[in-house]
């Protein structure tokens, strides 16, 4: 499991579904990641809080490339 303190944010989302799709894609490619703020966004209306997708610093570049390919 990733140590969240050592992670870097590679993307932010205002929609929990988009955040979870991105997380699933990274995990399918073998990159461990953590969503921060996804629990509160399920209680508070969409868009009220950003959901941060974080990865270990050494995986940040590869993860960003994967997310760019998704667009």
Protein backbone atom coordinates (compact mmCIF):
# COMPACT_ATOMS: atom_id res chain seq x y z
CA UNK A 1 0.00 0.00 0.00
CA UNK A 2 1.17 3.50 -0.80
CA UNK A 3 2.24 5.90 1.91
CA UNK A 4 -0.08 8.81 1.10
CA UNK A 5 2.36 11.37 2.50
CA UNK A 6 4.88 10.47 -0.22
CA UNK A 7 2.38 10.81 -3.07
CA UNK A 8 2.05 13.61 -5.58
CA UNK A 9 -1.23 14.81 -7.06
CA UNK A 10 -1.41 14.15 -10.79
CA UNK A 11 -5.03 15.11 -11.44
CA UNK A 12 -8.06 16.62 -9.75
CA UNK A 13 -11.71 15.85 -10.44
CA UNK A 14 -15.02 17.30 -9.37
CA UNK A 15 -16.91 14.14 -10.33
CA UNK A 16 -16.38 10.91 -8.31
CA UNK A 17 -17.16 8.73 -11.32
CA UNK A 18 -14.43 10.33 -13.45
CA UNK A 19 -11.97 10.03 -10.58
CA UNK A 20 -12.71 6.35 -10.10
CA UNK A 21 -12.42 5.62 -13.83
CA UNK A 22 -8.97 7.23 -13.89
CA UNK A 23 -7.94 5.32 -10.76
CA UNK A 24 -9.10 2.03 -12.26
CA UNK A 25 -7.16 2.70 -15.46
CA UNK A 26 -3.94 3.40 -13.58
CA UNK A 27 -4.38 0.32 -11.43
CA UNK A 28 -5.02 -1.79 -14.55
CA UNK A 29 -1.64 -0.59 -15.81
CA UNK A 30 0.02 -1.56 -12.53
CA UNK A 31 0.29 1.91 -10.98
CA UNK A 32 -0.83 2.12 -7.38
CA UNK A 33 -2.83 5.24 -6.66
CA UNK A 34 -5.00 6.83 -4.01
CA UNK A 35 -8.02 9.11 -4.27
CA UNK A 36 -8.19 11.84 -1.65
CA UNK A 37 -11.49 13.56 -1.00
CA UNK A 38 -13.65 10.93 -2.69
CA UNK A 39 -15.49 10.01 0.50
CA UNK A 40 -16.57 13.56 1.32
CA UNK A 41 -17.67 14.14 -2.26
CA UNK A 42 -20.17 11.30 -1.92
CA UNK A 43 -21.84 13.20 0.95
CA UNK A 44 -21.52 16.76 -0.35
CA UNK A 45 -22.91 17.68 -3.82
CA UNK A 46 -20.68 17.10 -6.84
CA UNK A 47 -18.28 19.94 -7.49
CA UNK A 48 -18.16 21.21 -3.93
CA UNK A 49 -14.77 19.56 -3.28
CA UNK A 50 -11.97 18.48 -5.57
CA UNK A 51 -11.01 14.81 -5.58
CA UNK A 52 -7.25 14.39 -5.91
CA UNK A 53 -5.72 11.41 -7.70
CA UNK A 54 -2.28 10.75 -6.24
CA UNK A 55 0.57 8.37 -7.07
CA UNK A 56 4.09 7.75 -5.86
CA UNK A 57 6.44 10.41 -7.21
CA UNK A 58 8.42 7.88 -9.26
CA UNK A 59 5.22 6.86 -11.11
CA UNK A 60 3.89 10.37 -11.74
CA UNK A 61 5.18 10.80 -15.29
CA UNK A 62 3.94 7.40 -16.48
CA UNK A 63 0.58 7.95 -14.79
CA UNK A 64 0.13 11.35 -16.43
CA UNK A 65 0.87 9.82 -19.85
CA UNK A 66 -1.78 7.15 -19.27
CA UNK A 67 -4.34 9.75 -18.25
CA UNK A 68 -3.52 11.89 -21.30
CA UNK A 69 -4.14 8.84 -23.52
CA UNK A 70 -7.61 8.54 -21.96
CA UNK A 71 -8.66 12.02 -23.13
